[in-house]
Protein backbone atom coordinates (compact mmCIF):
# COMPACT_ATOMS: atom_id res chain seq x y z
CA MET A 1 0.00 0.00 0.00
CA SER A 2 1.42 3.42 -0.96
CA ASP A 3 1.87 6.18 1.65
CA GLU A 4 -1.00 8.26 0.23
CA HIS A 5 -3.48 5.47 1.12
CA LYS A 6 -2.29 5.03 4.70
CA SER A 7 -3.23 7.09 7.72
CA LEU A 8 -0.63 9.49 9.08
CA GLN A 9 -0.13 7.35 12.17
CA GLN A 10 0.35 4.22 10.05
CA ILE A 11 3.07 5.98 8.06
CA ILE A 12 4.79 7.22 11.22
CA ASP A 13 4.63 3.76 12.81
CA PHE A 14 6.06 2.18 9.64
CA ARG A 15 8.94 4.65 9.62
CA LEU A 16 9.61 4.07 13.30
CA GLU A 17 9.96 0.35 12.53
CA LYS A 18 12.57 1.18 9.89
CA LEU A 19 14.36 3.41 12.39
CA LYS A 20 14.40 0.57 14.89
CA LYS A 21 15.78 -1.83 12.27
CA LEU A 22 18.61 0.56 11.40
CA ARG A 23 19.59 0.88 15.04
CA GLU A 24 19.45 -2.89 15.54
CA ASP A 25 21.88 -3.17 12.61
CA GLY A 26 24.29 -0.81 14.35
CA VAL A 27 23.53 2.21 12.15
CA ASN A 28 23.39 5.63 13.83
CA PRO A 29 20.53 7.31 11.93
CA TYR A 30 21.45 10.73 13.37
CA PRO A 31 25.24 11.10 13.11
CA THR A 32 27.06 14.22 14.19
CA LYS A 33 28.73 15.39 10.99
CA TYR A 34 29.16 14.97 7.26
CA GLU A 35 31.48 16.93 4.99
CA PRO A 36 30.10 17.40 1.45
CA THR A 37 32.51 18.62 -1.21
CA HIS A 38 30.01 19.88 -3.78
CA LYS A 39 26.45 21.14 -4.29
CA SER A 40 23.96 19.85 -6.85
CA GLU A 41 23.95 22.80 -9.25
CA SER A 42 27.70 23.26 -9.14
CA ILE A 43 28.10 19.62 -10.19
CA LYS A 44 25.75 20.12 -13.13
CA SER A 45 27.26 23.42 -14.22
CA ASN A 46 30.81 22.03 -14.01
CA TYR A 47 30.08 18.62 -15.51
CA ASP A 48 32.90 18.75 -18.09
CA GLU A 49 35.39 19.29 -15.30
CA LEU A 50 33.86 16.81 -12.84
CA GLU A 51 32.90 13.91 -15.11
CA GLY A 52 34.36 10.70 -13.69
CA LYS A 53 35.60 12.42 -10.54
CA THR A 54 34.49 11.61 -7.01
CA VAL A 55 32.21 14.03 -5.19
CA LYS A 56 30.38 14.02 -1.86
CA ILE A 57 26.95 15.60 -1.61
CA ALA A 58 24.43 15.83 1.23
CA GLY A 59 20.73 16.61 1.22
CA ARG A 60 17.16 15.40 1.51
CA VAL A 61 15.86 12.43 -0.50
CA MET A 62 12.99 13.70 -2.66
CA ALA A 63 12.33 10.75 -4.98
CA ILE A 64 13.18 7.02 -4.94
CA ARG A 65 12.83 4.29 -7.54
CA LYS A 66 13.75 1.12 -5.64
CA MET A 67 14.47 -1.86 -7.84
CA GLY A 68 16.14 -5.22 -7.35
CA LYS A 69 19.90 -4.87 -7.35
CA ALA A 70 20.10 -1.24 -8.51
CA SER A 71 18.00 1.84 -7.78
CA PHE A 72 17.74 5.55 -8.56
CA ALA A 73 16.98 8.36 -6.12
CA GLN A 74 16.98 12.13 -6.15
CA ILE A 75 18.63 14.30 -3.53
CA MET A 76 17.85 17.96 -2.85
CA ASP A 77 20.33 20.37 -1.28
CA SER A 78 20.31 24.16 -0.91
CA GLU A 79 21.06 24.65 -4.63
CA GLY A 80 18.62 22.21 -6.21
CA ARG A 81 18.30 18.51 -7.04
CA ILE A 82 20.50 15.83 -8.55
CA GLN A 83 19.97 12.14 -9.21
CA PHE A 84 22.12 9.38 -7.75
CA PHE A 85 22.38 5.76 -8.90
CA ILE A 86 23.07 3.06 -6.33
CA LYS A 87 23.96 -0.58 -7.05
CA ARG A 88 24.14 -3.41 -4.53
CA ASP A 89 27.41 -4.76 -5.97
CA ASP A 90 29.07 -1.34 -5.57
CA VAL A 91 28.02 -0.48 -2.02
CA GLY A 92 27.65 -3.95 -0.55
CA GLU A 93 24.67 -6.02 0.59
CA GLU A 94 24.35 -4.40 4.01
CA SER A 95 24.54 -0.81 2.78
CA TYR A 96 22.05 -1.51 -0.01
CA THR A 97 19.65 -3.09 2.48
CA HIS A 98 19.87 0.06 4.58
CA PHE A 99 19.26 2.17 1.47
CA LYS A 100 16.01 0.27 0.96
CA LEU A 101 14.91 1.45 4.42
CA LEU A 102 15.04 5.06 3.26
CA ASP A 103 11.94 7.20 2.74
CA ILE A 104 11.29 10.47 0.99
CA GLY A 105 12.33 13.20 3.41
CA ASP A 106 15.37 11.39 4.83
CA PHE A 107 18.74 13.15 4.79
CA VAL A 108 21.67 11.24 3.30
CA GLY A 109 25.25 11.78 2.28
CA VAL A 110 26.23 10.32 -1.09
CA GLU A 111 29.79 9.73 -2.29
CA GLY A 112 30.52 8.64 -5.84
CA TYR A 113 31.69 9.67 -9.28
CA VAL A 114 29.86 11.97 -11.69
CA PHE A 115 28.44 10.46 -14.88
CA THR A 116 25.59 10.81 -17.37
CA THR A 117 22.85 8.18 -17.67
CA LYS A 118 21.67 6.74 -20.99
CA THR A 119 18.83 9.27 -20.93
CA GLY A 120 21.33 12.12 -20.63
CA GLU A 121 20.77 13.03 -16.98
CA ILE A 122 23.80 14.12 -14.97
CA SER A 123 23.97 11.83 -11.93
CA ILE A 124 26.20 10.46 -9.21
CA HIS A 125 27.23 6.77 -9.32
CA THR A 126 27.20 5.89 -5.62
CA ASP A 127 30.19 4.24 -3.96
CA ALA A 128 29.06 4.95 -0.39
CA ILE A 129 25.88 6.23 1.23
CA THR A 130 25.45 7.56 4.77
CA ILE A 131 22.13 8.09 6.53
CA LEU A 132 22.25 11.54 8.16
CA ALA A 133 18.71 11.93 9.54
CA LYS A 134 15.74 9.57 9.39
CA SER A 135 12.48 11.37 8.70
CA ILE A 136 9.64 10.18 10.93
CA ARG A 137 6.86 12.45 9.71
CA PRO A 138 6.10 12.28 5.97
CA LEU A 139 6.16 15.27 3.67
CA PRO A 140 2.89 16.22 1.95
CA VAL A 141 2.38 14.22 -1.23
CA VAL A 142 3.61 16.12 -4.28
CA LYS A 143 3.13 14.56 -7.69
CA GLU A 144 5.53 15.13 -10.54
CA LYS A 145 5.61 14.11 -14.18
CA ASP A 146 8.46 14.78 -16.57
CA GLY A 147 10.03 17.04 -13.97
CA GLU A 148 6.91 19.21 -13.59
CA VAL A 149 5.13 19.53 -10.26
CA PHE A 150 1.34 19.48 -10.66
CA ASP A 151 0.11 18.80 -7.12
CA ALA A 152 2.31 21.07 -5.04
CA PHE A 153 1.96 22.25 -1.45
CA THR A 154 -0.12 25.28 -2.43
CA ASP A 155 -2.57 26.03 0.39
CA LYS A 156 -1.51 29.51 1.50
CA GLU A 157 -2.45 29.14 5.14
CA GLN A 158 -0.68 25.80 5.50
CA ARG A 159 2.39 27.20 3.75
CA TYR A 160 2.59 30.11 6.21
CA ARG A 161 2.00 27.85 9.22
CA ASN A 162 4.56 25.29 8.01
CA ARG A 163 7.26 27.37 6.35
CA HIS A 164 9.70 24.46 6.58
CA LEU A 165 7.41 22.40 4.32
CA ASP A 166 6.87 25.38 2.03
CA LEU A 167 10.63 25.73 1.51
CA ILE A 168 11.07 22.00 0.92
CA LEU A 169 8.22 21.60 -1.54
CA ASN A 170 8.24 25.04 -3.19
CA PRO A 171 11.98 25.76 -3.50
CA LYS A 172 11.39 29.00 -5.43
CA VAL A 173 10.02 30.51 -2.21
CA LYS A 174 13.61 30.69 -0.99
CA ASP A 175 14.42 33.15 -3.78
CA THR A 176 12.18 35.76 -2.13
CA PHE A 177 14.10 35.53 1.13
CA VAL A 178 17.49 35.52 -0.59
CA LYS A 179 16.41 38.76 -2.28
CA ARG A 180 15.10 40.12 1.02
CA ALA A 181 18.53 39.57 2.58
CA ALA A 182 20.18 41.26 -0.42
CA ILE A 183 17.82 44.26 -0.11
CA ILE A 184 18.60 44.69 3.59
CA LYS A 185 22.34 44.30 3.00
CA THR A 186 22.21 46.88 0.20
CA ILE A 187 20.40 49.36 2.43
CA ARG A 188 22.90 48.84 5.23
CA ASN A 189 25.84 49.34 2.88
CA PHE A 190 24.16 52.40 1.33
CA LEU A 191 23.82 54.12 4.71
CA ASP A 192 27.17 52.92 6.09
CA ASP A 193 28.94 54.32 3.01
CA ARG A 194 27.37 57.72 3.74
CA GLY A 195 28.56 57.87 7.33
CA PHE A 196 25.43 56.66 9.13
CA LEU A 197 25.93 54.68 12.33
CA GLU A 198 23.76 51.62 12.96
CA VAL A 199 22.48 51.41 16.55
CA GLU A 200 20.02 49.45 18.69
CA THR A 201 17.34 51.03 20.85
CA PRO A 202 14.94 49.44 23.38
CA VAL A 203 12.21 47.10 22.19
CA LEU A 204 10.54 47.22 25.62
CA GLN A 205 9.74 50.84 26.41
CA PRO A 206 8.15 52.52 29.46
CA LEU A 207 6.27 54.83 27.08
CA TYR A 208 5.55 54.33 23.39
CA GLY A 209 5.68 57.03 20.72
CA GLY A 210 6.94 58.07 17.31
CA ALA A 211 3.80 56.97 15.44
CA ASN A 212 0.04 56.90 15.75
CA ALA A 213 -0.72 53.27 16.61
CA ARG A 214 -2.00 51.04 19.40
CA PRO A 215 0.83 49.31 21.26
CA PHE A 216 1.20 45.81 22.66
CA THR A 217 1.32 45.98 26.46
CA THR A 218 3.28 43.75 28.80
CA HIS A 219 4.44 43.74 32.41
CA HIS A 220 7.91 43.42 33.93
CA ASN A 221 7.65 41.52 37.21
CA THR A 222 10.86 42.71 38.89
CA LEU A 223 10.24 46.37 38.09
CA ASP A 224 6.51 45.90 38.68
CA GLN A 225 6.03 48.17 35.70
CA THR A 226 3.89 48.24 32.58
CA LEU A 227 6.03 48.21 29.42
CA TYR A 228 5.16 48.53 25.74
CA LEU A 229 6.59 46.88 22.66
CA ARG A 230 7.88 49.73 20.55
CA ILE A 231 5.69 51.06 17.75
CA ALA A 232 8.58 53.09 16.32
CA ASP A 233 12.26 53.88 17.02
CA GLU A 234 11.95 57.62 16.44
CA LEU A 235 12.09 59.18 19.88
CA TYR A 236 15.17 57.19 20.97
CA LEU A 237 17.04 57.83 17.71
CA LYS A 238 16.36 61.56 18.01
CA ARG A 239 17.93 61.49 21.49
CA LEU A 240 21.08 60.18 19.80
CA ILE A 241 20.98 63.08 17.34
CA ILE A 242 20.69 65.38 20.36
CA GLY A 243 23.65 63.54 21.90
CA GLY A 244 25.86 64.31 18.92
CA ILE A 245 25.57 61.27 16.62
CA ASP A 246 24.83 63.24 13.46
CA ARG A 247 23.83 60.33 11.21
CA VAL A 248 22.12 57.35 12.81
CA TYR A 249 19.90 54.47 11.73
CA GLU A 250 18.23 51.33 13.02
CA LEU A 251 16.88 48.31 11.15
CA SER A 252 14.53 46.72 13.61
CA LYS A 253 11.31 44.95 14.48
CA ASP A 254 8.42 47.19 15.46
CA PHE A 255 5.04 46.07 16.82
CA ARG A 256 1.57 47.56 16.37
CA ASN A 257 -1.60 46.13 17.85
CA GLU A 258 -3.77 46.79 14.84
CA GLY A 259 -5.57 45.08 11.98
CA MET A 260 -3.99 42.60 9.57
CA ASP A 261 -4.34 42.72 5.80
CA ARG A 262 -2.24 42.24 2.68
CA ASN A 263 0.03 45.15 3.71
CA HIS A 264 0.06 44.84 7.51
CA ASN A 265 1.48 42.34 10.00
CA PRO A 266 1.55 43.15 13.74
CA GLU A 267 5.30 42.46 13.83
CA PHE A 268 7.19 44.13 10.99
CA THR A 269 10.65 45.37 10.01
CA MET A 270 11.34 49.09 9.81
CA LEU A 271 14.28 51.20 8.77
CA GLU A 272 14.48 54.58 10.48
CA PHE A 273 17.34 57.00 9.90
CA TYR A 274 17.99 60.54 11.12
CA TRP A 275 20.36 63.04 9.55
CA ALA A 276 21.47 66.16 11.43
CA TYR A 277 21.59 69.44 9.48
CA ALA A 278 19.50 67.95 6.65
CA ASP A 279 15.84 68.46 5.73
CA TYR A 280 13.02 66.47 4.14
CA GLU A 281 14.19 67.37 0.63
CA ASP A 282 17.65 65.91 1.34
CA CYS A 283 15.94 62.80 2.69
CA MET A 284 13.74 62.59 -0.41
CA ASP A 285 16.81 62.56 -2.64
CA LEU A 286 18.49 59.93 -0.47
CA VAL A 287 15.45 57.63 -0.31
CA GLU A 288 14.98 57.72 -4.08
CA LYS A 289 18.62 56.71 -4.59
CA MET A 290 18.38 54.01 -1.91
CA VAL A 291 15.23 52.42 -3.33
CA ARG A 292 16.68 52.45 -6.84
CA GLU A 293 19.97 50.90 -5.68
CA ALA A 294 18.13 48.12 -3.81
CA ALA A 295 15.98 47.50 -6.91
CA GLU A 296 19.05 47.28 -9.13
CA LYS A 297 20.64 44.80 -6.71
CA VAL A 298 17.78 42.31 -7.16
CA GLY A 299 17.06 43.15 -10.81
CA ALA A 300 13.75 44.89 -10.16
CA LEU A 301 13.86 48.36 -11.75
CA GLN A 302 10.79 47.37 -13.77
CA VAL A 303 8.29 45.44 -11.63
CA ASP A 304 5.04 43.67 -12.42
CA TRP A 305 3.30 44.10 -9.08
CA GLY A 306 -0.02 42.33 -9.19
CA GLY A 307 -0.62 43.47 -12.76
CA LEU A 308 0.72 46.99 -12.17
CA ASP A 309 3.72 47.88 -14.37
CA ILE A 310 5.96 49.97 -12.12
CA ASP A 311 9.10 51.74 -13.35
CA LEU A 312 11.65 52.57 -10.64
CA SER A 313 14.27 53.83 -13.09
CA LYS A 314 12.64 57.23 -13.74
CA PRO A 315 12.66 60.24 -11.34
CA PHE A 316 9.96 59.96 -8.67
CA ALA A 317 7.14 62.53 -8.89
CA ARG A 318 6.79 65.13 -6.09
CA ILE A 319 3.28 66.55 -5.56
CA PRO A 320 1.81 68.55 -2.62
CA MET A 321 -0.88 66.70 -0.67
CA LEU A 322 -3.48 69.48 -0.86
CA GLU A 323 -2.97 69.73 -4.62
CA LEU A 324 -3.81 66.05 -4.99
CA LEU A 325 -6.86 66.41 -2.75
CA LYS A 326 -8.12 69.44 -4.67
CA GLU A 327 -7.78 67.50 -7.91
CA ALA A 328 -9.70 64.56 -6.39
CA THR A 329 -12.49 66.54 -4.64
CA GLY A 330 -12.61 69.92 -6.37
CA ASN A 331 -12.15 71.58 -2.96
CA ASP A 332 -9.29 73.46 -1.33
CA LEU A 333 -9.00 71.68 2.01
CA GLY A 334 -6.06 73.56 3.43
CA ASN A 335 -7.98 75.73 5.88
CA VAL A 336 -11.50 74.40 6.48
CA THR A 337 -13.58 73.53 9.54
CA ASP A 338 -14.42 70.03 10.69
CA ASP A 339 -17.98 70.48 9.42
CA GLU A 340 -16.78 71.62 6.00
CA ILE A 341 -14.46 68.67 5.47
CA ARG A 342 -17.18 66.32 6.76
CA SER A 343 -19.43 67.64 4.00
CA VAL A 344 -16.72 66.97 1.44
CA CYS A 345 -16.47 63.37 2.70
CA ILE A 346 -20.23 62.91 2.45
CA ASP A 347 -20.27 64.42 -1.07
CA ASN A 348 -17.69 61.80 -2.07
CA ASN A 349 -19.61 58.89 -0.47
CA ILE A 350 -17.04 58.41 2.27
CA SER A 351 -18.38 57.35 5.65
CA VAL A 352 -16.90 59.19 8.62
CA ASP A 353 -17.37 58.71 12.33
CA ALA A 354 -19.10 61.55 14.16
CA THR A 355 -16.11 61.82 16.55
CA TRP A 356 -13.48 62.22 13.82
CA ASN A 357 -11.48 65.43 13.65
CA TYR A 358 -10.16 67.34 10.64
CA GLY A 359 -6.94 65.31 10.45
CA GLN A 360 -8.69 61.94 10.57
CA MET A 361 -11.16 62.92 7.85
CA LEU A 362 -8.38 64.35 5.68
CA ASP A 363 -6.48 61.09 6.04
CA GLU A 364 -9.60 59.12 5.04
CA LEU A 365 -10.08 61.24 1.91
CA MET A 366 -6.46 60.58 0.96
CA SER A 367 -6.72 56.85 1.52
CA LYS A 368 -9.95 56.50 -0.47
CA LEU A 369 -9.59 59.02 -3.31
CA VAL A 370 -5.89 59.63 -3.88
CA GLU A 371 -3.53 56.92 -2.67
CA PRO A 372 -5.00 53.99 -4.71
CA ASN A 373 -4.26 55.96 -7.90
CA LEU A 374 -0.59 56.60 -7.15
CA ILE A 375 0.87 53.73 -9.16
CA GLN A 376 4.23 55.11 -10.29
CA PRO A 377 6.61 56.24 -7.50
CA THR A 378 5.26 59.48 -6.05
CA PHE A 379 6.34 61.59 -3.10
CA ILE A 380 3.30 63.27 -1.55
CA ILE A 381 4.79 66.39 0.05
CA ASP A 382 3.78 69.24 2.40
CA TYR A 383 1.24 67.74 4.79
CA PRO A 384 -1.20 69.57 7.08
CA LYS A 385 0.11 70.04 10.63
CA ALA A 386 -3.03 68.38 12.03
CA ILE A 387 -1.85 64.90 10.96
CA SER A 388 1.89 65.39 11.48
CA PRO A 389 2.64 66.07 15.17
CA LEU A 390 6.39 65.43 14.89
CA ALA A 391 7.16 67.43 11.73
CA LYS A 392 8.62 70.93 11.43
CA ALA A 393 6.44 73.87 10.41
CA HIS A 394 6.81 74.64 6.70
CA ARG A 395 9.46 77.21 5.80
CA ASN A 396 7.02 78.88 3.38
CA GLY A 397 5.26 80.43 6.38
CA ASP A 398 1.92 78.62 6.00
CA PRO A 399 0.94 77.91 9.64
CA ASN A 400 -1.18 74.90 8.61
CA LEU A 401 1.57 72.99 6.76
CA VAL A 402 4.63 70.98 7.79
CA GLU A 403 7.63 69.70 5.87
CA ARG A 404 6.70 66.08 5.44
CA TYR A 405 6.43 63.55 2.64
CA GLU A 406 5.25 60.00 2.13
CA LEU A 407 6.39 57.79 -0.74
CA PHE A 408 3.62 55.89 -2.53
CA ILE A 409 4.13 53.15 -5.13
CA GLY A 410 1.42 50.88 -6.53
CA GLY A 411 -1.16 52.54 -4.29
CA ALA A 412 0.74 51.65 -1.09
CA GLU A 413 2.84 53.71 1.31
CA PHE A 414 6.56 52.88 1.44
CA ALA A 415 8.22 55.73 3.34
CA ASN A 416 7.37 58.56 5.73
CA SER A 417 9.71 61.48 6.32
CA PHE A 418 9.90 64.89 8.02
CA SER A 419 12.02 67.89 8.46
CA GLU A 420 11.97 66.97 12.13
CA LEU A 421 10.45 69.29 14.69
CA ASN A 422 13.25 70.57 16.95
CA ASP A 423 11.42 73.36 18.81
CA PRO A 424 10.73 71.85 22.26
CA ILE A 425 7.92 74.29 23.05
CA ASP A 426 6.13 73.51 19.79
CA GLN A 427 6.76 69.79 20.34
CA ARG A 428 5.21 69.88 23.81
CA GLU A 429 2.11 71.66 22.50
CA ARG A 430 1.63 69.14 19.71
CA LEU A 431 2.08 66.11 21.96
CA GLU A 432 -0.31 67.62 24.47
CA ALA A 433 -2.82 68.03 21.64
CA GLN A 434 -2.29 64.36 20.82
CA ALA A 435 -2.82 63.44 24.47
CA ALA A 436 -6.09 65.39 24.42
CA LEU A 437 -7.25 63.34 21.44
CA LYS A 438 -6.30 60.20 23.36
CA GLU A 439 -8.45 61.37 26.27
CA LYS A 440 -11.35 61.71 23.85
CA GLY A 441 -11.00 58.09 22.76
CA ASP A 442 -8.44 58.13 19.91
CA GLU A 443 -6.55 54.92 20.77
CA GLU A 444 -3.83 55.64 18.19
CA ALA A 445 -2.95 59.14 19.44
CA GLN A 446 0.45 59.57 21.09
CA PRO A 447 1.05 60.24 24.81
CA VAL A 448 3.33 62.99 26.08
CA ASP A 449 6.89 61.66 26.47
CA GLU A 450 8.33 63.98 29.09
CA GLN A 451 11.85 62.53 28.92
CA PHE A 452 11.98 63.05 25.16
CA ILE A 453 10.84 66.67 25.50
CA GLN A 454 13.43 67.28 28.22
CA ALA A 455 16.11 65.88 25.92
CA MET A 456 14.92 68.19 23.13
CA GLU A 457 15.09 71.13 25.55
CA CYS A 458 18.85 70.52 25.70
CA GLY A 459 18.95 71.52 22.02
CA MET A 460 18.39 69.46 18.88
CA PRO A 461 19.93 70.48 15.54
CA PRO A 462 17.88 70.76 12.33
CA THR A 463 17.31 67.14 11.28
CA GLY A 464 15.77 65.11 8.49
CA GLY A 465 14.22 61.77 9.44
CA VAL A 466 12.85 58.82 7.46
CA GLY A 467 10.95 55.60 8.15
CA ILE A 468 10.75 52.87 5.49
CA GLY A 469 8.80 49.62 5.73
CA ILE A 470 11.26 46.88 4.77
CA ASP A 471 8.59 44.20 4.39
CA ARG A 472 6.59 46.30 1.96
CA LEU A 473 9.69 47.27 -0.01
CA THR A 474 10.58 43.58 -0.26
CA MET A 475 7.04 42.85 -1.49
CA LEU A 476 7.50 45.35 -4.30
CA LEU A 477 10.99 44.28 -5.35
CA THR A 478 10.11 40.56 -5.32
CA GLY A 479 6.71 40.96 -7.01
CA ASN A 480 4.70 39.71 -4.00
CA ARG A 481 1.35 41.30 -3.16
CA TRP A 482 0.92 39.81 0.33
CA ILE A 483 3.13 40.74 3.27
CA LYS A 484 2.96 37.15 4.57
CA ASP A 485 4.87 36.04 1.45
CA VAL A 486 7.94 38.08 2.50
CA ILE A 487 7.90 37.24 6.23
CA LEU A 488 9.19 33.77 7.01
CA PHE A 489 6.90 33.29 10.01
CA PRO A 490 3.96 35.73 9.77
CA ALA A 491 1.36 36.15 12.52
CA MET A 492 -1.45 33.61 12.18
CA ARG A 493 -4.69 33.03 14.04
CA SER A 494 -4.48 30.00 16.34
CA GLU A 495 -5.78 26.82 14.73
CA ASN A 496 -7.57 26.09 18.01
């Protein structure tokens, strides 16, 4: 009876019997070490050089054709797959008997010479085989014909819950995470080469801030103190700017207790950098260069992102926020009352809560009418002060505007940046206004961080600051539309 017609427990019991047999024969099915000399793809690509020469390769058995005195099997390592041929007369009766106790999923080491079969397949003629790990639990059944997989491990939820199986059965998934690593390395090198210092700031914080978001709350027993998982790195990194580190960055995990969708995971990777004596225009130039360099590194200057053809090679557009809103609504929304902007929302069939303020309604208009249409890279610049409590007042003298931008590509936000507020009196007033909103029930408003304000009162130089979502950037540059496809172990609802 084949494995697919047995129950899971029957398969496990059968494999345990094989494990017992190996041990009774004096075989250690979980040895300490094996030293391969080659990988599968390097053998294939260097066949002319390696033909007839002995190689050692290690990996997982992915296919077996057991016959009488000779058999074929396929081994998969980190580079790909290669076939090996094993003959009883070459390896000996005992070793061949142990080979016949192997199952798909077992790890083995194979030593032998490289040759080509009569059908033209590059293979290894086995002289010795070593069992490296006996697999007890079977892999999901995957059917192949003529080298093509047609019944793969495709259920999205199961793939996310069992990433180890996803990587085994869908090897191309690994490419996304290889590119993710290359993107992060490129960003690090980009900033390091420009004199930025990478630092680490607290994950557990006595007070959260730096963004409008609900935090995760925990408790430290020894301190008997409520702590929060950070929602942003901003307020600590600015203290380092105040302390004299003129260019500083952190690549880190942040945590926000909010909804989950194709663009949001409660645990995510952020880049934040701060640059003394620079402004948001300097940061805009730097971010454009950084994104383009990361895209070039992984060959993604032109991206098909869920059917959207995105070109990262051309200069990114720069358009004021109120200009985009006026184009979308026909109204100048720069200096209107709450009732007036509520009327604009209603006229555009946008539902708004009765408790929402001007900033919240403005943000909703942007998210519904403007942002989905920003397909090519676009910097939205010059935001209203009401939705930017940490940004510097605009140098053009308009009291309602700040120097801020957000980068949108494919209808999604990728970066947020300010000419950072460095007036401690103004900063206190804005955070107190945020605290007042929190008192009224806005769970995402920021509290007053007294220690941060006191640090700013010591003097903070003019500074440009940027936050970039690394997960979302990886989605774009790898052509994935779901954030769970670029996070190895995304948050999932309990199966129970």
